[in-house]
C-alpha cells in the first residue's frame, strides 16, 4: 500500500501536471472501487479548474472550486499523466481529460477510493475519513512533546500506535520500522514507556525518514509508481525493513522479523533496546 511518502510524491507530480488546468471531461469506466464512484462525478468535474492538489495523510485532495475530489490509492492505485492518447487497459478505471493530456487512474485490486465532497457539507478536512486523523508528521505541529503527550496511557506497542494513525498520520509499516530503528527503540515497547527523550528522538527520526523517502521518490515494492511512471528507490537503502537475516548496517547483528497486528516488523535486537 502506498504510504505517506509515496502519496506525497504523487501529489507533487499532480501539482505539476494538472494544478491550474481545466478538466474538459471525466470518464469513469469502472465505478466499483472500495466505495462506488458517484454516478454524476463526470458532470461535477467537467469544466472545473483544479485549483490545488493537497494531501492529508494518505489521502489526495483535488480542489476544483465547487467541491473536492478525495482520492485514496488503496493497495494498488496509481495515477499516470499521458501527454499523448493511449488506449485504456483492463485496470484503467478513470480518466480526467485536460487540453494538454489525460490523467489516468489505474487500480488492479480496486481497493482505492475516489469520493466527491460537496462544500455544502463543510470543509473537506471535516470529511469523516479525514476528521479523525492524527497530526501531520512533517508539519510544525509534530514534535517530541506532542508524541509524548499523545502516548501517555497507551499500552499498545509503540509501533502499533504509530500505525494506528490517530496520534500521527501516514507512518505506515515500512517507515515505522525504519523510524524506530533510527531512534533506537524496540518496536514491542509499550508506548507509555517511551519517555520524553526517546519521544524526541523518535519524532526526529520519523521526520527524517519520511523526508528521505520523499527525496528518493518513495518505495516501490509492488505496484507503486509516480505519476510520471518513475519508481521509488528508498527501499534500497532501508536499515531493517525487508532485510530479515541480513546483517544490520550499523552493528552487523542479523536483522530479525516478528509479527505485530498481522504486519511484519523488522528490527535489530542490539541497536533497538
C-alpha atoms as a PDB file:
ATOM      1  CA  UNK A   1       0.000   0.000   0.000  1.00  0.00           C
ATOM      2  CA  UNK A   2       1.397   3.458  -0.855  1.00  0.00           C
ATOM      3  CA  UNK A   3       2.355   5.253   2.357  1.00  0.00           C
ATOM      4  CA  UNK A   4       2.756   8.964   3.066  1.00  0.00           C
ATOM      5  CA  UNK A   5       5.993   9.474   1.087  1.00  0.00           C
ATOM      6  CA  UNK A   6       4.554   7.754  -1.986  1.00  0.00           C
ATOM      7  CA  UNK A   7       1.346   9.787  -1.782  1.00  0.00           C
ATOM      8  CA  UNK A   8       3.352  12.990  -1.360  1.00  0.00           C
ATOM      9  CA  UNK A   9       5.420  12.104  -4.425  1.00  0.00           C
ATOM     10  CA  UNK A  10       2.182  11.601  -6.378  1.00  0.00           C
ATOM     11  CA  UNK A  11       0.772  14.889  -5.037  1.00  0.00           C
ATOM     12  CA  UNK A  12       3.810  16.809  -6.227  1.00  0.00           C
ATOM     13  CA  UNK A  13       3.562  15.191  -9.640  1.00  0.00           C
ATOM     14  CA  UNK A  14      -0.131  16.068  -9.946  1.00  0.00           C
ATOM     15  CA  UNK A  15       0.547  19.591  -8.737  1.00  0.00           C
ATOM     16  CA  UNK A  16       2.997  19.974 -11.597  1.00  0.00           C
ATOM     17  CA  UNK A  17       0.831  18.357 -14.291  1.00  0.00           C
ATOM     18  CA  UNK A  18      -2.757  19.431 -13.532  1.00  0.00           C
ATOM     19  CA  UNK A  19      -2.903  22.240 -10.976  1.00  0.00           C
ATOM     20  CA  UNK A  20      -4.333  25.362 -12.569  1.00  0.00           C
ATOM     21  CA  UNK A  21      -5.673  23.357 -15.518  1.00  0.00           C
ATOM     22  CA  UNK A  22      -9.283  22.955 -16.646  1.00  0.00           C
ATOM     23  CA  UNK A  23     -10.868  19.497 -16.707  1.00  0.00           C
ATOM     24  CA  UNK A  24     -12.560  19.123 -20.095  1.00  0.00           C
ATOM     25  CA  UNK A  25     -14.169  15.758 -19.333  1.00  0.00           C
ATOM     26  CA  UNK A  26     -14.136  12.890 -16.841  1.00  0.00           C
ATOM     27  CA  UNK A  27     -14.708   9.309 -17.938  1.00  0.00           C
ATOM     28  CA  UNK A  28     -15.467   6.569 -15.397  1.00  0.00           C
ATOM     29  CA  UNK A  29     -15.094   3.108 -16.923  1.00  0.00           C
ATOM     30  CA  UNK A  30     -15.301   1.150 -13.651  1.00  0.00           C
ATOM     31  CA  UNK A  31     -17.152   2.761 -10.710  1.00  0.00           C
ATOM     32  CA  UNK A  32     -16.711  -0.195  -8.348  1.00  0.00           C
ATOM     33  CA  UNK A  33     -13.784   0.838  -6.188  1.00  0.00           C
ATOM     34  CA  UNK A  34     -13.678   0.479  -2.405  1.00  0.00           C
ATOM     35  CA  UNK A  35     -16.767   2.672  -2.410  1.00  0.00           C
ATOM     36  CA  UNK A  36     -18.779   3.240  -5.609  1.00  0.00           C
ATOM     37  CA  UNK A  37     -17.793   6.316  -7.585  1.00  0.00           C
ATOM     38  CA  UNK A  38     -20.696   8.795  -7.739  1.00  0.00           C
ATOM     39  CA  UNK A  39     -22.687   8.385 -10.942  1.00  0.00           C
ATOM     40  CA  UNK A  40     -22.591  12.140 -11.591  1.00  0.00           C
ATOM     41  CA  UNK A  41     -18.850  12.587 -10.921  1.00  0.00           C
ATOM     42  CA  UNK A  42     -18.147  13.316 -14.584  1.00  0.00           C
ATOM     43  CA  UNK A  43     -20.656  16.155 -14.757  1.00  0.00           C
ATOM     44  CA  UNK A  44     -19.402  17.594 -11.463  1.00  0.00           C
ATOM     45  CA  UNK A  45     -15.797  17.721 -12.671  1.00  0.00           C
ATOM     46  CA  UNK A  46     -16.225  18.714 -16.315  1.00  0.00           C
ATOM     47  CA  UNK A  47     -15.456  22.384 -16.846  1.00  0.00           C
ATOM     48  CA  UNK A  48     -13.879  22.829 -13.415  1.00  0.00           C
ATOM     49  CA  UNK A  49     -10.343  24.051 -12.861  1.00  0.00           C
ATOM     50  CA  UNK A  50      -8.018  22.218 -10.479  1.00  0.00           C
ATOM     51  CA  UNK A  51      -7.222  24.975  -8.001  1.00  0.00           C
ATOM     52  CA  UNK A  52      -4.977  22.921  -5.721  1.00  0.00           C
ATOM     53  CA  UNK A  53      -3.741  19.396  -5.119  1.00  0.00           C
ATOM     54  CA  UNK A  54      -3.252  18.810  -1.388  1.00  0.00           C
ATOM     55  CA  UNK A  55      -2.639  15.833   0.865  1.00  0.00           C
ATOM     56  CA  UNK A  56      -3.970  14.761   4.268  1.00  0.00           C
ATOM     57  CA  UNK A  57      -2.228  11.649   5.494  1.00  0.00           C
ATOM     58  CA  UNK A  58      -2.518   9.132   2.654  1.00  0.00           C
ATOM     59  CA  UNK A  59      -5.428  10.950   1.006  1.00  0.00           C
ATOM     60  CA  UNK A  60      -5.093  13.257  -2.010  1.00  0.00           C
ATOM     61  CA  UNK A  61      -7.426  16.261  -2.162  1.00  0.00           C
ATOM     62  CA  UNK A  62      -8.082  17.800  -5.558  1.00  0.00           C
ATOM     63  CA  UNK A  63      -9.843  21.140  -5.054  1.00  0.00           C
ATOM     64  CA  UNK A  64     -11.906  22.170  -8.075  1.00  0.00           C
ATOM     65  CA  UNK A  65     -13.566  25.214  -6.515  1.00  0.00           C
ATOM     66  CA  UNK A  66     -17.124  23.943  -6.121  1.00  0.00           C
ATOM     67  CA  UNK A  67     -16.078  20.727  -4.458  1.00  0.00           C
ATOM     68  CA  UNK A  68     -13.155  18.452  -3.698  1.00  0.00           C
ATOM     69  CA  UNK A  69     -12.230  15.085  -5.163  1.00  0.00           C
ATOM     70  CA  UNK A  70     -10.863  12.938  -2.319  1.00  0.00           C
ATOM     71  CA  UNK A  71      -8.657  10.080  -3.539  1.00  0.00           C
ATOM     72  CA  UNK A  72      -7.058   7.158  -1.727  1.00  0.00           C
ATOM     73  CA  UNK A  73      -4.745   4.890  -3.717  1.00  0.00           C
ATOM     74  CA  UNK A  74      -5.670   1.793  -1.720  1.00  0.00           C
ATOM     75  CA  UNK A  75      -3.412  -1.228  -2.235  1.00  0.00           C
ATOM     76  CA  UNK A  76      -2.533  -0.816  -5.892  1.00  0.00           C
ATOM     77  CA  UNK A  77      -3.870   2.510  -7.179  1.00  0.00           C
ATOM     78  CA  UNK A  78      -1.742   4.876  -9.236  1.00  0.00           C
ATOM     79  CA  UNK A  79      -2.071   7.947 -11.428  1.00  0.00           C
ATOM     80  CA  UNK A  80      -0.318   8.399 -14.745  1.00  0.00           C
ATOM     81  CA  UNK A  81      -0.351  11.598 -16.771  1.00  0.00           C
ATOM     82  CA  UNK A  82      -0.450  10.893 -20.506  1.00  0.00           C
ATOM     83  CA  UNK A  83       0.587  13.688 -22.830  1.00  0.00           C
ATOM     84  CA  UNK A  84      -0.384  11.532 -25.834  1.00  0.00           C
ATOM     85  CA  UNK A  85      -3.558   9.410 -26.245  1.00  0.00           C
ATOM     86  CA  UNK A  86      -3.216   5.766 -25.224  1.00  0.00           C
ATOM     87  CA  UNK A  87      -5.941   3.095 -25.286  1.00  0.00           C
ATOM     88  CA  UNK A  88      -7.017   2.136 -21.752  1.00  0.00           C
ATOM     89  CA  UNK A  89      -6.094  -1.282 -20.369  1.00  0.00           C
ATOM     90  CA  UNK A  90      -8.249  -3.538 -18.220  1.00  0.00           C
ATOM     91  CA  UNK A  91      -7.492  -1.796 -14.922  1.00  0.00           C
ATOM     92  CA  UNK A  92      -7.556   1.818 -16.153  1.00  0.00           C
ATOM     93  CA  UNK A  93     -10.756   2.869 -14.388  1.00  0.00           C
ATOM     94  CA  UNK A  94     -10.968   6.684 -14.581  1.00  0.00           C
ATOM     95  CA  UNK A  95      -9.691   9.370 -16.972  1.00  0.00           C
ATOM     96  CA  UNK A  96      -9.624  13.103 -16.296  1.00  0.00           C
ATOM     97  CA  UNK A  97      -9.165  14.770 -19.657  1.00  0.00           C
ATOM     98  CA  UNK A  98      -7.324  18.087 -19.992  1.00  0.00           C
ATOM     99  CA  UNK A  99      -6.398  20.072 -23.085  1.00  0.00           C
ATOM    100  CA  UNK A 100      -2.739  19.099 -22.654  1.00  0.00           C
ATOM    101  CA  UNK A 101      -3.254  15.410 -21.804  1.00  0.00           C
ATOM    102  CA  UNK A 102      -5.086  12.831 -19.713  1.00  0.00           C
ATOM    103  CA  UNK A 103      -4.744  11.940 -16.047  1.00  0.00           C
ATOM    104  CA  UNK A 104      -5.483   8.207 -15.788  1.00  0.00           C
ATOM    105  CA  UNK A 105      -6.281   6.246 -12.614  1.00  0.00           C
ATOM    106  CA  UNK A 106      -5.136   2.605 -12.648  1.00  0.00           C
ATOM    107  CA  UNK A 107      -6.076   0.162  -9.868  1.00  0.00           C
ATOM    108  CA  UNK A 108      -5.881  -3.637 -10.380  1.00  0.00           C
ATOM    109  CA  UNK A 109      -7.245  -4.511  -6.925  1.00  0.00           C
ATOM    110  CA  UNK A 110      -9.905  -1.764  -6.962  1.00  0.00           C
ATOM    111  CA  UNK A 111      -9.382  -1.033  -3.255  1.00  0.00           C
ATOM    112  CA  UNK A 112      -8.743   2.648  -3.845  1.00  0.00           C
ATOM    113  CA  UNK A 113     -11.347   5.387  -3.444  1.00  0.00           C
ATOM    114  CA  UNK A 114     -12.475   8.413  -5.422  1.00  0.00           C
ATOM    115  CA  UNK A 115     -15.086  10.387  -3.490  1.00  0.00           C
ATOM    116  CA  UNK A 116     -16.777  13.702  -4.170  1.00  0.00           C
ATOM    117  CA  UNK A 117     -17.045  16.166  -1.270  1.00  0.00           C
ATOM    118  CA  UNK A 118     -19.564  18.976  -1.637  1.00  0.00           C
ATOM    119  CA  UNK A 119     -18.639  22.222   0.202  1.00  0.00           C
ATOM    120  CA  UNK A 120     -22.228  22.391   1.438  1.00  0.00           C
ATOM    121  CA  UNK A 121     -21.184  19.638   3.857  1.00  0.00           C
ATOM    122  CA  UNK A 122     -18.368  21.733   5.320  1.00  0.00           C
ATOM    123  CA  UNK A 123     -14.639  21.928   4.595  1.00  0.00           C
ATOM    124  CA  UNK A 124     -13.038  18.881   3.001  1.00  0.00           C
ATOM    125  CA  UNK A 125     -10.887  18.270   6.075  1.00  0.00           C
ATOM    126  CA  UNK A 126     -14.095  17.718   8.066  1.00  0.00           C
ATOM    127  CA  UNK A 127     -14.991  14.715   5.890  1.00  0.00           C
ATOM    128  CA  UNK A 128     -15.472  11.599   8.090  1.00  0.00           C
ATOM    129  CA  UNK A 129     -12.445   9.907   6.506  1.00  0.00           C
ATOM    130  CA  UNK A 130     -10.184  12.849   7.382  1.00  0.00           C
ATOM    131  CA  UNK A 131     -11.581  14.390  10.555  1.00  0.00           C
ATOM    132  CA  UNK A 132     -10.122  11.807  12.963  1.00  0.00           C
ATOM    133  CA  UNK A 133      -6.622  11.648  11.532  1.00  0.00           C
ATOM    134  CA  UNK A 134      -3.630  12.462  13.708  1.00  0.00           C
ATOM    135  CA  UNK A 135      -1.129  15.267  13.286  1.00  0.00           C
ATOM    136  CA  UNK A 136       0.863  15.539  10.053  1.00  0.00           C
ATOM    137  CA  UNK A 137       4.399  14.301  10.809  1.00  0.00           C
ATOM    138  CA  UNK A 138       6.096  16.812   8.502  1.00  0.00           C
ATOM    139  CA  UNK A 139       4.193  19.793   9.894  1.00  0.00           C
ATOM    140  CA  UNK A 140       5.356  22.164  12.589  1.00  0.00           C
ATOM    141  CA  UNK A 141       2.689  20.733  14.895  1.00  0.00           C
ATOM    142  CA  UNK A 142       4.563  17.436  15.276  1.00  0.00           C
ATOM    143  CA  UNK A 143       7.457  17.111  17.687  1.00  0.00           C
ATOM    144  CA  UNK A 144       8.633  15.020  20.611  1.00  0.00           C
ATOM    145  CA  UNK A 145       6.434  16.810  23.131  1.00  0.00           C
ATOM    146  CA  UNK A 146       3.351  16.141  21.003  1.00  0.00           C
ATOM    147  CA  UNK A 147       4.277  12.474  20.684  1.00  0.00           C
ATOM    148  CA  UNK A 148       4.962  12.174  24.410  1.00  0.00           C
ATOM    149  CA  UNK A 149       1.589  13.652  25.411  1.00  0.00           C
ATOM    150  CA  UNK A 150      -0.319  11.510  22.933  1.00  0.00           C
ATOM    151  CA  UNK A 151       1.254   8.242  24.085  1.00  0.00           C
ATOM    152  CA  UNK A 152       0.648   8.577  27.818  1.00  0.00           C
ATOM    153  CA  UNK A 153      -1.616   5.767  28.959  1.00  0.00           C
ATOM    154  CA  UNK A 154      -1.238   3.893  25.654  1.00  0.00           C
ATOM    155  CA  UNK A 155      -0.308   0.299  26.500  1.00  0.00           C
ATOM    156  CA  UNK A 156      -0.136  -0.933  22.923  1.00  0.00           C
ATOM    157  CA  UNK A 157       3.363  -1.431  21.419  1.00  0.00           C
ATOM    158  CA  UNK A 158       4.825   1.805  20.123  1.00  0.00           C
ATOM    159  CA  UNK A 159       4.892   0.537  16.535  1.00  0.00           C
ATOM    160  CA  UNK A 160       1.175  -0.274  16.644  1.00  0.00           C
ATOM    161  CA  UNK A 161       0.439   3.201  18.000  1.00  0.00           C
ATOM    162  CA  UNK A 162       2.360   4.755  15.115  1.00  0.00           C
ATOM    163  CA  UNK A 163       0.420   2.665  12.594  1.00  0.00           C
ATOM    164  CA  UNK A 164      -2.988   3.483  14.113  1.00  0.00           C
ATOM    165  CA  UNK A 165      -2.986   6.988  12.584  1.00  0.00           C
ATOM    166  CA  UNK A 166      -4.775   8.793  15.407  1.00  0.00           C
ATOM    167  CA  UNK A 167      -1.564  10.089  17.028  1.00  0.00           C
ATOM    168  CA  UNK A 168       0.491  10.785  13.914  1.00  0.00           C
ATOM    169  CA  UNK A 169      -0.819  10.179  10.420  1.00  0.00           C
ATOM    170  CA  UNK A 170       0.765   8.415   7.461  1.00  0.00           C
ATOM    171  CA  UNK A 171       3.566   6.497   9.196  1.00  0.00           C
ATOM    172  CA  UNK A 172       2.936   3.106   7.587  1.00  0.00           C
ATOM    173  CA  UNK A 173       4.674  -0.208   8.115  1.00  0.00           C
ATOM    174  CA  UNK A 174       7.901   0.480   6.224  1.00  0.00           C
ATOM    175  CA  UNK A 175       8.537   3.870   7.766  1.00  0.00           C
ATOM    176  CA  UNK A 176       7.505   2.890  11.300  1.00  0.00           C
ATOM    177  CA  UNK A 177      10.103   0.097  11.274  1.00  0.00           C
ATOM    178  CA  UNK A 178      12.765   2.387   9.853  1.00  0.00           C
ATOM    179  CA  UNK A 179      11.979   5.268  12.223  1.00  0.00           C
ATOM    180  CA  UNK A 180      12.080   3.045  15.307  1.00  0.00           C
ATOM    181  CA  UNK A 181      15.451   1.705  14.190  1.00  0.00           C
ATOM    182  CA  UNK A 182      16.849   5.200  13.716  1.00  0.00           C
ATOM    183  CA  UNK A 183      15.567   6.174  17.160  1.00  0.00           C
ATOM    184  CA  UNK A 184      16.970   3.013  18.796  1.00  0.00           C
ATOM    185  CA  UNK A 185      13.584   1.912  20.161  1.00  0.00           C
ATOM    186  CA  UNK A 186      12.402  -1.696  20.182  1.00  0.00           C
ATOM    187  CA  UNK A 187       9.051  -1.895  18.331  1.00  0.00           C
ATOM    188  CA  UNK A 188       7.394  -4.004  21.047  1.00  0.00           C
ATOM    189  CA  UNK A 189       7.958  -1.372  23.762  1.00  0.00           C
ATOM    190  CA  UNK A 190       4.632  -0.234  25.278  1.00  0.00           C
ATOM    191  CA  UNK A 191       4.010   3.315  24.067  1.00  0.00           C
ATOM    192  CA  UNK A 192       3.604   4.731  27.573  1.00  0.00           C
ATOM    193  CA  UNK A 193       7.125   3.533  28.464  1.00  0.00           C
ATOM    194  CA  UNK A 194       8.738   5.659  25.759  1.00  0.00           C
ATOM    195  CA  UNK A 195       9.921   8.647  27.774  1.00  0.00           C
ATOM    196  CA  UNK A 196      10.386  12.283  26.804  1.00  0.00           C
ATOM    197  CA  UNK A 197      13.940  11.936  25.493  1.00  0.00           C
ATOM    198  CA  UNK A 198      13.111   8.885  23.376  1.00  0.00           C
ATOM    199  CA  UNK A 199       9.939  10.579  22.074  1.00  0.00           C
ATOM    200  CA  UNK A 200      12.118  13.462  20.922  1.00  0.00           C
ATOM    201  CA  UNK A 201      14.430  11.011  19.137  1.00  0.00           C
ATOM    202  CA  UNK A 202      11.507   9.156  17.606  1.00  0.00           C
ATOM    203  CA  UNK A 203       9.754  12.290  16.339  1.00  0.00           C
ATOM    204  CA  UNK A 204      13.003  13.470  14.744  1.00  0.00           C
ATOM    205  CA  UNK A 205      13.552  10.008  13.235  1.00  0.00           C
ATOM    206  CA  UNK A 206      10.042   9.950  11.761  1.00  0.00           C
ATOM    207  CA  UNK A 207      10.513  13.339  10.138  1.00  0.00           C
ATOM    208  CA  UNK A 208      13.963  12.414   8.794  1.00  0.00           C
ATOM    209  CA  UNK A 209      12.835   9.006   7.500  1.00  0.00           C
ATOM    210  CA  UNK A 210       9.799  10.384   5.684  1.00  0.00           C
ATOM    211  CA  UNK A 211      11.790  13.285   4.239  1.00  0.00           C
ATOM    212  CA  UNK A 212      14.492  10.920   2.985  1.00  0.00           C
ATOM    213  CA  UNK A 213      11.863   8.656   1.433  1.00  0.00           C
ATOM    214  CA  UNK A 214      10.192  11.544  -0.393  1.00  0.00           C
ATOM    215  CA  UNK A 215      13.573  12.671  -1.724  1.00  0.00           C
ATOM    216  CA  UNK A 216      14.152   9.125  -3.056  1.00  0.00           C
ATOM    217  CA  UNK A 217      10.749   9.022  -4.760  1.00  0.00           C
ATOM    218  CA  UNK A 218       9.189   6.759  -2.122  1.00  0.00           C
ATOM    219  CA  UNK A 219       9.420   2.967  -2.018  1.00  0.00           C
ATOM    220  CA  UNK A 220       8.359   0.770  -4.942  1.00  0.00           C
ATOM    221  CA  UNK A 221       7.784  -2.701  -3.531  1.00  0.00           C
ATOM    222  CA  UNK A 222       4.891  -3.841  -5.726  1.00  0.00           C
ATOM    223  CA  UNK A 223       2.616  -1.546  -7.697  1.00  0.00           C
ATOM    224  CA  UNK A 224       3.702   1.973  -6.782  1.00  0.00           C
ATOM    225  CA  UNK A 225       4.969   4.370  -9.438  1.00  0.00           C
ATOM    226  CA  UNK A 226       4.857   8.170  -9.504  1.00  0.00           C
ATOM    227  CA  UNK A 227       2.535   9.994 -11.906  1.00  0.00           C
ATOM    228  CA  UNK A 228       5.377  10.238 -14.430  1.00  0.00           C
ATOM    229  CA  UNK A 229       5.922   6.465 -14.298  1.00  0.00           C
ATOM    230  CA  UNK A 230       9.098   6.609 -12.182  1.00  0.00           C
ATOM    231  CA  UNK A 231       9.710   4.040  -9.434  1.00  0.00           C
ATOM    232  CA  UNK A 232      10.845   4.981  -5.943  1.00  0.00           C
ATOM    233  CA  UNK A 233      14.137   3.659  -4.588  1.00  0.00           C
ATOM    234  CA  UNK A 234      14.083   4.314  -0.817  1.00  0.00           C
ATOM    235  CA  UNK A 235      13.710   0.562  -0.162  1.00  0.00           C
ATOM    236  CA  UNK A 236      17.234   0.022  -1.489  1.00  0.00           C
ATOM    237  CA  UNK A 237      18.690   1.869   1.499  1.00  0.00           C
ATOM    238  CA  UNK A 238      16.424   0.596   4.295  1.00  0.00           C
ATOM    239  CA  UNK A 239      18.260  -0.186   7.528  1.00  0.00           C
ATOM    240  CA  UNK A 240      15.952  -3.034   8.578  1.00  0.00           C
ATOM    241  CA  UNK A 241      12.746  -3.259   6.514  1.00  0.00           C
ATOM    242  CA  UNK A 242      12.740  -6.321   4.252  1.00  0.00           C
ATOM    243  CA  UNK A 243      16.217  -7.374   5.454  1.00  0.00           C
ATOM    244  CA  UNK A 244      15.419 -10.303   7.782  1.00  0.00           C
ATOM    245  CA  UNK A 245      18.537 -12.430   8.339  1.00  0.00           C
ATOM    246  CA  UNK A 246      20.842  -9.876   6.731  1.00  0.00           C
ATOM    247  CA  UNK A 247      23.455  -8.066   8.865  1.00  0.00           C
ATOM    248  CA  UNK A 248      22.426  -4.812  10.485  1.00  0.00           C
ATOM    249  CA  UNK A 249      24.027  -1.935   8.585  1.00  0.00           C
ATOM    250  CA  UNK A 250      25.206  -0.458  11.918  1.00  0.00           C
ATOM    251  CA  UNK A 251      26.280  -3.322  14.181  1.00  0.00           C
ATOM    252  CA  UNK A 252      26.278  -6.451  11.992  1.00  0.00           C
ATOM    253  CA  UNK A 253      23.734  -8.360  14.086  1.00  0.00           C
ATOM    254  CA  UNK A 254      21.247 -10.265  11.876  1.00  0.00           C
ATOM    255  CA  UNK A 255      18.047  -8.299  11.354  1.00  0.00           C
ATOM    256  CA  UNK A 256      15.057 -10.053  12.875  1.00  0.00           C
ATOM    257  CA  UNK A 257      11.396 -10.090  11.907  1.00  0.00           C
ATOM    258  CA  UNK A 258       8.314 -10.563  14.079  1.00  0.00           C
ATOM    259  CA  UNK A 259       4.564 -10.271  13.531  1.00  0.00           C
ATOM    260  CA  UNK A 260       2.626  -7.377  15.035  1.00  0.00           C
ATOM    261  CA  UNK A 261      -1.037  -6.965  14.159  1.00  0.00           C
ATOM    262  CA  UNK A 262      -0.679  -9.141  11.035  1.00  0.00           C
ATOM    263  CA  UNK A 263       2.218  -6.993   9.805  1.00  0.00           C
ATOM    264  CA  UNK A 264       5.897  -7.851   9.605  1.00  0.00           C
ATOM    265  CA  UNK A 265       8.147  -5.799  11.872  1.00  0.00           C
ATOM    266  CA  UNK A 266      11.869  -5.709  11.137  1.00  0.00           C
ATOM    267  CA  UNK A 267      14.315  -4.710  13.877  1.00  0.00           C
ATOM    268  CA  UNK A 268      17.798  -5.132  15.323  1.00  0.00           C
ATOM    269  CA  UNK A 269      17.919  -6.516  18.874  1.00  0.00           C
ATOM    270  CA  UNK A 270      21.300  -4.880  19.521  1.00  0.00           C
ATOM    271  CA  UNK A 271      20.576  -1.384  18.185  1.00  0.00           C
ATOM    272  CA  UNK A 272      16.987  -1.232  19.433  1.00  0.00           C
ATOM    273  CA  UNK A 273      16.891  -1.859  23.188  1.00  0.00           C
END
